[in-house]
Structure formats: structure tokens, C-alpha cells
């Protein structure tokens, strides 16, 4: 379906050093984006890392050449899903980040979350994507590296 895009996103957080990272796998009809990076600024907790991961994922999608109307966000974090669905009262410490996500979502006609259970050993496509994001986020956090790959499905 043209105009449809899926963002698979997960984050990693080290409580000792208050450092976070994220990885995402963005899939549309024409394009696949795989990205992962540590955050420059420290995170308060794992929820903040997950929220920042979605912000970065949405930013990559908005800056890409693909312009979807519908975006599905597969995420294993209930705070992020609540922000996207706008069905929860956001904790004050995340309000500024939540408002940024809301602004980003205005670029799309429809944007909604889907529940994905983390650490499920790849029983289906969404879980395999979540496992890849989880492993990549941990890897870039541990190594302090950045990863980016863009695959043009029309040319492959």
C-alpha cells in the first residue's frame, strides 16, 4: 500500500552512566532505513531513552525522500505507545519530549502505535525487527558507534 510506513524502534539504557542509545528499522514500499546511535546527552531513565529513540526515528523518516501518509510505530515501551496514541497523561519530566513527538506526527495523516513484546526470540516479523533493534541499540551503546544504512527497494 502506497503511503504506508512502519517504524520499528527500541532503545538501550545504562543506569550506571545514564547513557542511552536507540536503533530503528523503518520500512516503506520504496525504502528501508536502518539506523542506530548513542545519544549525545545523558538520559534520566530508560523511558527517556525510548522517547528519544522515537524522536530520532521520526526525524529520519521526515528527512527521507519518502512521504508517507500512514505511520505505524512498533515499540515495546508503554510510555512511548501512550504518547503516540495520546491516551495517557504524560509524566512532567517527559512533557517537552512528548510535545516534540506530537509536532513530528503532524507531518502524517495517521500515526498509531502497535504493541510489540520485547525479547520474544523472533517468532514473527515484528519480533525479529524488535530483536534486531534491541541488539543494535545495545551494540552502539557498548561501542559508542553510529550505524546508518538506506536501501532503495526500487533499485534492488
Protein backbone atom coordinates (compact mmCIF):
# COMPACT_ATOMS: atom_id res chain seq x y z
CA UNK A 1 0.00 0.00 0.00
CA UNK A 2 1.49 3.32 -1.10
CA UNK A 3 1.92 5.91 1.61
CA UNK A 4 2.25 3.32 4.38
CA UNK A 5 5.33 3.09 6.58
CA UNK A 6 6.36 1.12 9.65
CA UNK A 7 8.85 2.31 12.26
CA UNK A 8 10.35 -0.38 14.47
CA UNK A 9 12.24 1.26 17.32
CA UNK A 10 13.94 0.18 20.53
CA UNK A 11 16.36 1.78 22.97
CA UNK A 12 19.02 0.71 25.41
CA UNK A 13 19.97 2.44 28.65
CA UNK A 14 22.90 2.07 31.05
CA UNK A 15 21.76 3.04 34.56
CA UNK A 16 25.29 3.42 35.89
CA UNK A 17 26.44 6.08 33.42
CA UNK A 18 22.97 7.41 32.47
CA UNK A 19 23.73 6.86 28.78
CA UNK A 20 21.19 5.77 26.20
CA UNK A 21 21.06 4.65 22.60
CA UNK A 22 18.46 3.66 20.04
CA UNK A 23 18.06 1.61 16.90
CA UNK A 24 15.31 1.75 14.32
CA UNK A 25 14.23 -0.10 11.24
CA UNK A 26 11.96 2.00 9.03
CA UNK A 27 10.19 0.11 6.24
CA UNK A 28 8.05 1.54 3.45
CA UNK A 29 7.11 0.45 -0.05
CA UNK A 30 10.16 2.10 -1.56
CA UNK A 31 12.72 2.44 1.18
CA UNK A 32 14.30 0.69 4.15
CA UNK A 33 16.28 2.71 6.68
CA UNK A 34 18.35 1.00 9.36
CA UNK A 35 19.90 3.33 11.93
CA UNK A 36 21.39 3.24 15.42
CA UNK A 37 23.23 5.71 17.59
CA UNK A 38 24.04 6.70 21.15
CA UNK A 39 22.54 9.92 22.44
CA UNK A 40 24.86 12.89 22.97
CA UNK A 41 23.12 13.97 26.16
CA UNK A 42 22.57 11.72 29.20
CA UNK A 43 19.12 10.22 29.79
CA UNK A 44 17.19 10.27 33.04
CA UNK A 45 15.98 6.70 32.62
CA UNK A 46 15.05 4.02 30.11
CA UNK A 47 11.71 5.70 29.27
CA UNK A 48 13.53 8.86 28.21
CA UNK A 49 15.86 6.77 26.04
CA UNK A 50 12.85 5.11 24.37
CA UNK A 51 11.17 8.50 23.77
CA UNK A 52 14.37 9.97 22.31
CA UNK A 53 14.66 6.89 20.12
CA UNK A 54 11.25 7.56 18.60
CA UNK A 55 12.07 11.26 18.12
CA UNK A 56 15.21 10.32 16.19
CA UNK A 57 13.34 7.68 14.16
CA UNK A 58 10.59 10.13 13.18
CA UNK A 59 13.26 12.70 12.28
CA UNK A 60 14.97 10.20 9.95
CA UNK A 61 11.64 9.41 8.29
CA UNK A 62 10.70 13.06 7.85
CA UNK A 63 14.11 13.86 6.33
CA UNK A 64 13.99 10.87 3.97
CA UNK A 65 12.67 11.12 0.42
CA UNK A 66 9.64 9.01 1.40
CA UNK A 67 6.50 10.93 2.33
CA UNK A 68 4.05 8.51 3.98
CA UNK A 69 0.50 9.34 4.99
CA UNK A 70 0.18 6.47 7.49
CA UNK A 71 2.87 5.56 10.01
CA UNK A 72 2.71 2.53 12.31
CA UNK A 73 5.09 2.53 15.25
CA UNK A 74 6.10 -0.87 16.64
CA UNK A 75 7.50 -0.34 20.10
CA UNK A 76 7.89 -2.38 23.28
CA UNK A 77 7.66 0.66 25.59
CA UNK A 78 4.25 1.54 27.03
CA UNK A 79 5.20 5.21 27.68
CA UNK A 80 6.07 5.74 24.02
CA UNK A 81 2.89 3.98 22.87
CA UNK A 82 0.88 6.18 25.25
CA UNK A 83 2.47 9.36 23.87
CA UNK A 84 1.80 8.30 20.27
CA UNK A 85 -1.81 7.28 20.96
CA UNK A 86 -2.27 10.37 23.18
CA UNK A 87 -4.19 8.19 25.63
CA UNK A 88 -2.09 8.77 28.72
CA UNK A 89 -1.21 11.77 30.81
CA UNK A 90 2.48 12.26 30.21
CA UNK A 91 4.79 12.47 33.21
CA UNK A 92 6.03 16.08 33.63
CA UNK A 93 9.66 15.06 33.12
CA UNK A 94 8.78 13.88 29.58
CA UNK A 95 6.36 16.65 28.55
CA UNK A 96 8.84 18.59 26.42
CA UNK A 97 9.84 15.42 24.54
CA UNK A 98 6.21 14.31 24.14
CA UNK A 99 5.28 17.69 22.62
CA UNK A 100 8.11 17.28 20.11
CA UNK A 101 6.75 13.86 19.08
CA UNK A 102 3.27 15.37 18.69
CA UNK A 103 4.69 18.05 16.38
CA UNK A 104 6.53 15.44 14.32
CA UNK A 105 3.39 13.30 13.98
CA UNK A 106 1.55 16.24 12.41
CA UNK A 107 3.57 15.53 9.25
CA UNK A 108 1.45 12.41 8.69
CA UNK A 109 -2.28 11.88 8.16
CA UNK A 110 -2.38 8.89 10.53
CA UNK A 111 0.14 7.76 13.12
CA UNK A 112 -0.54 4.98 15.60
CA UNK A 113 1.36 2.55 17.83
CA UNK A 114 1.33 -1.24 17.87
CA UNK A 115 2.32 -3.32 20.86
CA UNK A 116 5.36 -5.48 20.42
CA UNK A 117 6.58 -7.71 23.21
CA UNK A 118 10.33 -7.38 23.62
CA UNK A 119 12.75 -10.31 23.84
CA UNK A 120 10.49 -12.86 22.13
CA UNK A 121 13.15 -14.64 20.05
CA UNK A 122 11.80 -13.72 16.60
CA UNK A 123 8.55 -15.63 16.39
CA UNK A 124 7.21 -13.27 13.71
CA UNK A 125 8.43 -10.37 11.57
CA UNK A 126 7.70 -7.64 14.11
CA UNK A 127 9.50 -9.53 16.86
CA UNK A 128 12.52 -10.18 14.61
CA UNK A 129 12.65 -6.44 13.83
CA UNK A 130 12.40 -5.63 17.54
CA UNK A 131 15.18 -8.11 18.33
CA UNK A 132 17.42 -6.51 15.67
CA UNK A 133 16.72 -3.04 17.11
CA UNK A 134 17.36 -4.25 20.65
CA UNK A 135 20.68 -5.88 19.74
CA UNK A 136 21.84 -2.94 17.61
CA UNK A 137 20.96 -0.37 20.30
CA UNK A 138 22.96 -2.37 22.86
CA UNK A 139 25.88 -2.69 20.44
CA UNK A 140 26.14 1.05 19.68
CA UNK A 141 25.78 1.87 23.38
CA UNK A 142 28.60 -0.52 24.25
CA UNK A 143 30.90 0.50 21.37
CA UNK A 144 29.96 4.17 21.14
CA UNK A 145 29.41 3.88 17.38
CA UNK A 146 26.76 5.02 14.91
CA UNK A 147 25.13 2.93 12.19
CA UNK A 148 23.14 4.04 9.14
CA UNK A 149 22.03 2.14 6.03
CA UNK A 150 19.47 3.14 3.44
CA UNK A 151 18.16 0.56 0.99
CA UNK A 152 16.25 1.73 -2.07
CA UNK A 153 13.78 -1.08 -2.80
CA UNK A 154 13.04 0.29 -6.28
CA UNK A 155 16.65 -0.20 -7.36
CA UNK A 156 17.30 -3.57 -5.75
